[in-house]
Amino acid sequence: MTEPPLVTVEQGVLRGCVKTSLNNEEFLSFQGIPYAKPPVGQLRFKMSNVLRNIFTTFERSLQ
């Protein structure tokens, strides 16, 4: 079994998975990555605040 793909970004490390397309070509998949705080309460319908330093390793590869 090969190791899952890891990508380092400013906020930490993302762990993805290798998937196969309909054309039988492999690609790297990183899903469900949070990018902003949810717009709730007084933040509703305003510009989102970008999340910073929210994870050391974020894994969303199993779906």
PDB file of N, CA and C in Angstrom:
ATOM      1  N   MET A   1       0.852  -1.192   0.000  1.00  0.00           N
ATOM      2  CA  MET A   1       0.000   0.000   0.000  1.00  0.00           C
ATOM      3  C   MET A   1       0.890   1.245   0.000  1.00  0.00           C
ATOM      4  N   THR A   2       0.599   2.170  -0.878  1.00  0.00           N
ATOM      5  CA  THR A   2       1.396   3.390  -0.955  1.00  0.00           C
ATOM      6  C   THR A   2       0.902   4.412   0.060  1.00  0.00           C
ATOM      7  N   GLU A   3       1.775   5.311   0.416  1.00  0.00           N
ATOM      8  CA  GLU A   3       1.424   6.376   1.350  1.00  0.00           C
ATOM      9  C   GLU A   3       0.469   7.358   0.679  1.00  0.00           C
ATOM     10  N   PRO A   4      -0.475   7.947   1.443  1.00  0.00           N
ATOM     11  CA  PRO A   4      -1.375   8.935   0.850  1.00  0.00           C
ATOM     12  C   PRO A   4      -0.600  10.196   0.471  1.00  0.00           C
ATOM     13  N   PRO A   5      -1.066  10.919  -0.547  1.00  0.00           N
ATOM     14  CA  PRO A   5      -0.370  12.146  -0.945  1.00  0.00           C
ATOM     15  C   PRO A   5      -0.504  13.221   0.130  1.00  0.00           C
ATOM     16  N   LEU A   6       0.581  13.911   0.409  1.00  0.00           N
ATOM     17  CA  LEU A   6       0.593  15.008   1.376  1.00  0.00           C
ATOM     18  C   LEU A   6       1.016  16.283   0.662  1.00  0.00           C
ATOM     19  N   VAL A   7       0.332  17.378   0.973  1.00  0.00           N
ATOM     20  CA  VAL A   7       0.675  18.683   0.414  1.00  0.00           C
ATOM     21  C   VAL A   7       0.805  19.653   1.580  1.00  0.00           C
ATOM     22  N   THR A   8       1.903  20.379   1.627  1.00  0.00           N
ATOM     23  CA  THR A   8       2.115  21.365   2.680  1.00  0.00           C
ATOM     24  C   THR A   8       1.696  22.736   2.173  1.00  0.00           C
ATOM     25  N   VAL A   9       0.817  23.385   2.945  1.00  0.00           N
ATOM     26  CA  VAL A   9       0.359  24.740   2.641  1.00  0.00           C
ATOM     27  C   VAL A   9       0.653  25.615   3.860  1.00  0.00           C
ATOM     28  N   GLU A  10       0.384  26.890   3.753  1.00  0.00           N
ATOM     29  CA  GLU A  10       0.664  27.831   4.841  1.00  0.00           C
ATOM     30  C   GLU A  10       0.001  27.405   6.155  1.00  0.00           C
ATOM     31  N   GLN A  11      -1.200  26.842   6.084  1.00  0.00           N
ATOM     32  CA  GLN A  11      -1.954  26.492   7.281  1.00  0.00           C
ATOM     33  C   GLN A  11      -1.595  25.131   7.862  1.00  0.00           C
ATOM     34  N   GLY A  12      -0.847  24.330   7.156  1.00  0.00           N
ATOM     35  CA  GLY A  12      -0.496  23.004   7.661  1.00  0.00           C
ATOM     36  C   GLY A  12      -0.312  22.011   6.536  1.00  0.00           C
ATOM     37  N   VAL A  13      -0.635  20.750   6.829  1.00  0.00           N
ATOM     38  CA  VAL A  13      -0.449  19.669   5.861  1.00  0.00           C
ATOM     39  C   VAL A  13      -1.805  19.084   5.495  1.00  0.00           C
ATOM     40  N   LEU A  14      -2.044  18.895   4.195  1.00  0.00           N
ATOM     41  CA  LEU A  14      -3.271  18.268   3.710  1.00  0.00           C
ATOM     42  C   LEU A  14      -2.954  16.846   3.280  1.00  0.00           C
ATOM     43  N   ARG A  15      -3.800  15.915   3.673  1.00  0.00           N
ATOM     44  CA  ARG A  15      -3.639  14.523   3.255  1.00  0.00           C
ATOM     45  C   ARG A  15      -4.796  14.183   2.325  1.00  0.00           C
ATOM     46  N   GLY A  16      -4.482  13.684   1.174  1.00  0.00           N
ATOM     47  CA  GLY A  16      -5.507  13.342   0.194  1.00  0.00           C
ATOM     48  C   GLY A  16      -5.518  11.864  -0.105  1.00  0.00           C
ATOM     49  N   CYS A  17      -5.982  11.528  -1.285  1.00  0.00           N
ATOM     50  CA  CYS A  17      -5.997  10.139  -1.725  1.00  0.00           C
ATOM     51  C   CYS A  17      -5.843  10.110  -3.245  1.00  0.00           C
ATOM     52  N   VAL A  18      -5.489   8.953  -3.745  1.00  0.00           N
ATOM     53  CA  VAL A  18      -5.362   8.759  -5.184  1.00  0.00           C
ATOM     54  C   VAL A  18      -6.661   8.145  -5.676  1.00  0.00           C
ATOM     55  N   LYS A  19      -7.262   8.745  -6.691  1.00  0.00           N
ATOM     56  CA  LYS A  19      -8.504   8.233  -7.270  1.00  0.00           C
ATOM     57  C   LYS A  19      -8.281   7.949  -8.741  1.00  0.00           C
ATOM     58  N   THR A  20      -9.242   7.270  -9.339  1.00  0.00           N
ATOM     59  CA  THR A  20      -9.160   6.934 -10.755  1.00  0.00           C
ATOM     60  C   THR A  20     -10.324   7.581 -11.489  1.00  0.00           C
ATOM     61  N   SER A  21     -10.024   8.256 -12.596  1.00  0.00           N
ATOM     62  CA  SER A  21     -11.052   8.926 -13.385  1.00  0.00           C
ATOM     63  C   SER A  21     -11.810   7.909 -14.236  1.00  0.00           C
ATOM     64  N   LEU A  22     -12.847   8.376 -14.910  1.00  0.00           N
ATOM     65  CA  LEU A  22     -13.615   7.512 -15.802  1.00  0.00           C
ATOM     66  C   LEU A  22     -12.772   7.017 -16.971  1.00  0.00           C
ATOM     67  N   ASN A  23     -11.679   7.738 -17.268  1.00  0.00           N
ATOM     68  CA  ASN A  23     -10.758   7.337 -18.337  1.00  0.00           C
ATOM     69  C   ASN A  23      -9.628   6.456 -17.815  1.00  0.00           C
ATOM     70  N   ASN A  24      -9.788   5.950 -16.594  1.00  0.00           N
ATOM     71  CA  ASN A  24      -8.779   5.108 -15.940  1.00  0.00           C
ATOM     72  C   ASN A  24      -7.441   5.810 -15.744  1.00  0.00           C
ATOM     73  N   GLU A  25      -7.470   7.116 -15.529  1.00  0.00           N
ATOM     74  CA  GLU A  25      -6.262   7.872 -15.215  1.00  0.00           C
ATOM     75  C   GLU A  25      -6.286   8.226 -13.735  1.00  0.00           C
ATOM     76  N   GLU A  26      -5.170   8.043 -13.048  1.00  0.00           N
ATOM     77  CA  GLU A  26      -5.102   8.366 -11.633  1.00  0.00           C
ATOM     78  C   GLU A  26      -4.918   9.865 -11.431  1.00  0.00           C
ATOM     79  N   PHE A  27      -5.528  10.389 -10.349  1.00  0.00           N
ATOM     80  CA  PHE A  27      -5.348  11.788  -9.979  1.00  0.00           C
ATOM     81  C   PHE A  27      -5.380  11.898  -8.465  1.00  0.00           C
ATOM     82  N   LEU A  28      -4.810  12.981  -7.939  1.00  0.00           N
ATOM     83  CA  LEU A  28      -4.799  13.230  -6.503  1.00  0.00           C
ATOM     84  C   LEU A  28      -6.050  14.006  -6.127  1.00  0.00           C
ATOM     85  N   SER A  29      -6.698  13.596  -5.041  1.00  0.00           N
ATOM     86  CA  SER A  29      -7.944  14.219  -4.616  1.00  0.00           C
ATOM     87  C   SER A  29      -7.803  14.731  -3.182  1.00  0.00           C
ATOM     88  N   PHE A  30      -8.145  16.001  -2.976  1.00  0.00           N
ATOM     89  CA  PHE A  30      -8.169  16.616  -1.651  1.00  0.00           C
ATOM     90  C   PHE A  30      -9.553  17.237  -1.508  1.00  0.00           C
ATOM     91  N   GLN A  31     -10.386  16.679  -0.641  1.00  0.00           N
ATOM     92  CA  GLN A  31     -11.791  17.083  -0.572  1.00  0.00           C
ATOM     93  C   GLN A  31     -12.139  17.669   0.790  1.00  0.00           C
ATOM     94  N   GLY A  32     -13.152  18.537   0.800  1.00  0.00           N
ATOM     95  CA  GLY A  32     -13.695  19.068   2.042  1.00  0.00           C
ATOM     96  C   GLY A  32     -12.765  19.987   2.802  1.00  0.00           C
ATOM     97  N   ILE A  33     -11.906  20.701   2.116  1.00  0.00           N
ATOM     98  CA  ILE A  33     -10.935  21.565   2.781  1.00  0.00           C
ATOM     99  C   ILE A  33     -11.624  22.866   3.201  1.00  0.00           C
ATOM    100  N   PRO A  34     -11.634  23.177   4.502  1.00  0.00           N
ATOM    101  CA  PRO A  34     -12.259  24.432   4.934  1.00  0.00           C
ATOM    102  C   PRO A  34     -11.394  25.616   4.523  1.00  0.00           C
ATOM    103  N   TYR A  35     -12.013  26.703   4.083  1.00  0.00           N
ATOM    104  CA  TYR A  35     -11.241  27.873   3.650  1.00  0.00           C
ATOM    105  C   TYR A  35     -11.692  29.162   4.317  1.00  0.00           C
ATOM    106  N   ALA A  36     -12.828  29.138   5.005  1.00  0.00           N
ATOM    107  CA  ALA A  36     -13.311  30.348   5.668  1.00  0.00           C
ATOM    108  C   ALA A  36     -14.183  29.963   6.855  1.00  0.00           C
ATOM    109  N   LYS A  37     -14.307  30.891   7.791  1.00  0.00           N
ATOM    110  CA  LYS A  37     -15.202  30.671   8.922  1.00  0.00           C
ATOM    111  C   LYS A  37     -16.640  30.736   8.406  1.00  0.00           C
ATOM    112  N   PRO A  38     -17.550  29.930   8.988  1.00  0.00           N
ATOM    113  CA  PRO A  38     -18.937  29.964   8.519  1.00  0.00           C
ATOM    114  C   PRO A  38     -19.587  31.324   8.804  1.00  0.00           C
ATOM    115  N   PRO A  39     -20.378  31.850   7.867  1.00  0.00           N
ATOM    116  CA  PRO A  39     -21.010  33.157   8.052  1.00  0.00           C
ATOM    117  C   PRO A  39     -22.283  33.052   8.888  1.00  0.00           C
ATOM    118  N   VAL A  40     -22.131  33.065  10.191  1.00  0.00           N
ATOM    119  CA  VAL A  40     -23.289  32.949  11.077  1.00  0.00           C
ATOM    120  C   VAL A  40     -23.482  34.245  11.855  1.00  0.00           C
ATOM    121  N   GLY A  41     -24.694  34.441  12.347  1.00  0.00           N
ATOM    122  CA  GLY A  41     -25.003  35.624  13.146  1.00  0.00           C
ATOM    123  C   GLY A  41     -24.793  36.912  12.373  1.00  0.00           C
ATOM    124  N   GLN A  42     -24.015  37.829  12.956  1.00  0.00           N
ATOM    125  CA  GLN A  42     -23.780  39.133  12.332  1.00  0.00           C
ATOM    126  C   GLN A  42     -22.883  39.044  11.104  1.00  0.00           C
ATOM    127  N   LEU A  43     -22.228  37.904  10.907  1.00  0.00           N
ATOM    128  CA  LEU A  43     -21.374  37.726   9.726  1.00  0.00           C
ATOM    129  C   LEU A  43     -22.167  37.301   8.489  1.00  0.00           C
ATOM    130  N   ARG A  44     -23.450  37.011   8.669  1.00  0.00           N
ATOM    131  CA  ARG A  44     -24.276  36.561   7.553  1.00  0.00           C
ATOM    132  C   ARG A  44     -24.280  37.603   6.439  1.00  0.00           C
ATOM    133  N   PHE A  45     -24.062  37.181   5.210  1.00  0.00           N
ATOM    134  CA  PHE A  45     -24.063  38.032   4.020  1.00  0.00           C
ATOM    135  C   PHE A  45     -22.942  39.077   4.019  1.00  0.00           C
ATOM    136  N   LYS A  46     -21.869  38.806   4.753  1.00  0.00           N
ATOM    137  CA  LYS A  46     -20.691  39.678   4.736  1.00  0.00           C
ATOM    138  C   LYS A  46     -19.513  38.873   4.199  1.00  0.00           C
ATOM    139  N   MET A  47     -18.398  39.531   3.944  1.00  0.00           N
ATOM    140  CA  MET A  47     -17.202  38.848   3.465  1.00  0.00           C
ATOM    141  C   MET A  47     -16.732  37.828   4.502  1.00  0.00           C
ATOM    142  N   SER A  48     -16.319  36.676   4.038  1.00  0.00           N
ATOM    143  CA  SER A  48     -15.836  35.618   4.922  1.00  0.00           C
ATOM    144  C   SER A  48     -14.443  35.938   5.442  1.00  0.00           C
ATOM    145  N   ASN A  49     -14.155  35.422   6.629  1.00  0.00           N
ATOM    146  CA  ASN A  49     -12.813  35.532   7.193  1.00  0.00           C
ATOM    147  C   ASN A  49     -12.056  34.254   6.883  1.00  0.00           C
ATOM    148  N   VAL A  50     -10.902  34.384   6.255  1.00  0.00           N
ATOM    149  CA  VAL A  50     -10.092  33.224   5.900  1.00  0.00           C
ATOM    150  C   VAL A  50      -9.568  32.573   7.174  1.00  0.00           C
ATOM    151  N   LEU A  51      -9.614  31.240   7.216  1.00  0.00           N
ATOM    152  CA  LEU A  51      -9.089  30.511   8.363  1.00  0.00           C
ATOM    153  C   LEU A  51      -7.572  30.474   8.297  1.00  0.00           C
ATOM    154  N   ARG A  52      -6.928  30.609   9.422  1.00  0.00           N
ATOM    155  CA  ARG A  52      -5.467  30.557   9.495  1.00  0.00           C
ATOM    156  C   ARG A  52      -5.062  29.554  10.578  1.00  0.00           C
ATOM    157  N   ASN A  53      -4.064  28.763  10.283  1.00  0.00           N
ATOM    158  CA  ASN A  53      -3.493  27.823  11.248  1.00  0.00           C
ATOM    159  C   ASN A  53      -4.554  26.967  11.935  1.00  0.00           C
ATOM    160  N   ILE A  54      -5.424  26.346  11.146  1.00  0.00           N
ATOM    161  CA  ILE A  54      -6.505  25.559  11.727  1.00  0.00           C
ATOM    162  C   ILE A  54      -6.189  24.086  11.826  1.00  0.00           C
ATOM    163  N   PHE A  55      -5.122  23.644  11.200  1.00  0.00           N
ATOM    164  CA  PHE A  55      -4.812  22.227  11.247  1.00  0.00           C
ATOM    165  C   PHE A  55      -3.320  21.995  11.125  1.00  0.00           C
ATOM    166  N   THR A  56      -2.894  20.869  11.679  1.00  0.00           N
ATOM    167  CA  THR A  56      -1.525  20.441  11.441  1.00  0.00           C
ATOM    168  C   THR A  56      -1.541  19.424  10.310  1.00  0.00           C
ATOM    169  N   THR A  57      -2.456  18.461  10.375  1.00  0.00           N
ATOM    170  CA  THR A  57      -2.711  17.567   9.245  1.00  0.00           C
ATOM    171  C   THR A  57      -4.213  17.438   9.108  1.00  0.00           C
ATOM    172  N   PHE A  58      -4.737  17.786   7.953  1.00  0.00           N
ATOM    173  CA  PHE A  58      -6.175  17.747   7.707  1.00  0.00           C
ATOM    174  C   PHE A  58      -6.457  16.623   6.736  1.00  0.00           C
ATOM    175  N   GLU A  59      -7.292  15.681   7.161  1.00  0.00           N
ATOM    176  CA  GLU A  59      -7.550  14.512   6.325  1.00  0.00           C
ATOM    177  C   GLU A  59      -9.021  14.451   5.951  1.00  0.00           C
ATOM    178  N   ARG A  60      -9.283  14.461   4.661  1.00  0.00           N
ATOM    179  CA  ARG A  60     -10.638  14.299   4.142  1.00  0.00           C
ATOM    180  C   ARG A  60     -10.589  13.388   2.929  1.00  0.00           C
ATOM    181  N   SER A  61      -9.918  12.279   3.047  1.00  0.00           N
ATOM    182  CA  SER A  61      -9.711  11.451   1.863  1.00  0.00           C
ATOM    183  C   SER A  61     -10.703  10.305   1.745  1.00  0.00           C
ATOM    184  N   LEU A  62     -11.410   9.976   2.798  1.00  0.00           N
ATOM    185  CA  LEU A  62     -12.309   8.824   2.748  1.00  0.00           C
ATOM    186  C   LEU A  62     -13.733   9.284   2.509  1.00  0.00           C
ATOM    187  N   GLN A  63     -14.272   8.935   1.343  1.00  0.00           N
ATOM    188  CA  GLN A  63     -15.663   9.285   1.044  1.00  0.00           C
ATOM    189  C   GLN A  63     -16.287   8.227   0.193  1.00  0.00           C
TER     190      GLN A  63
END
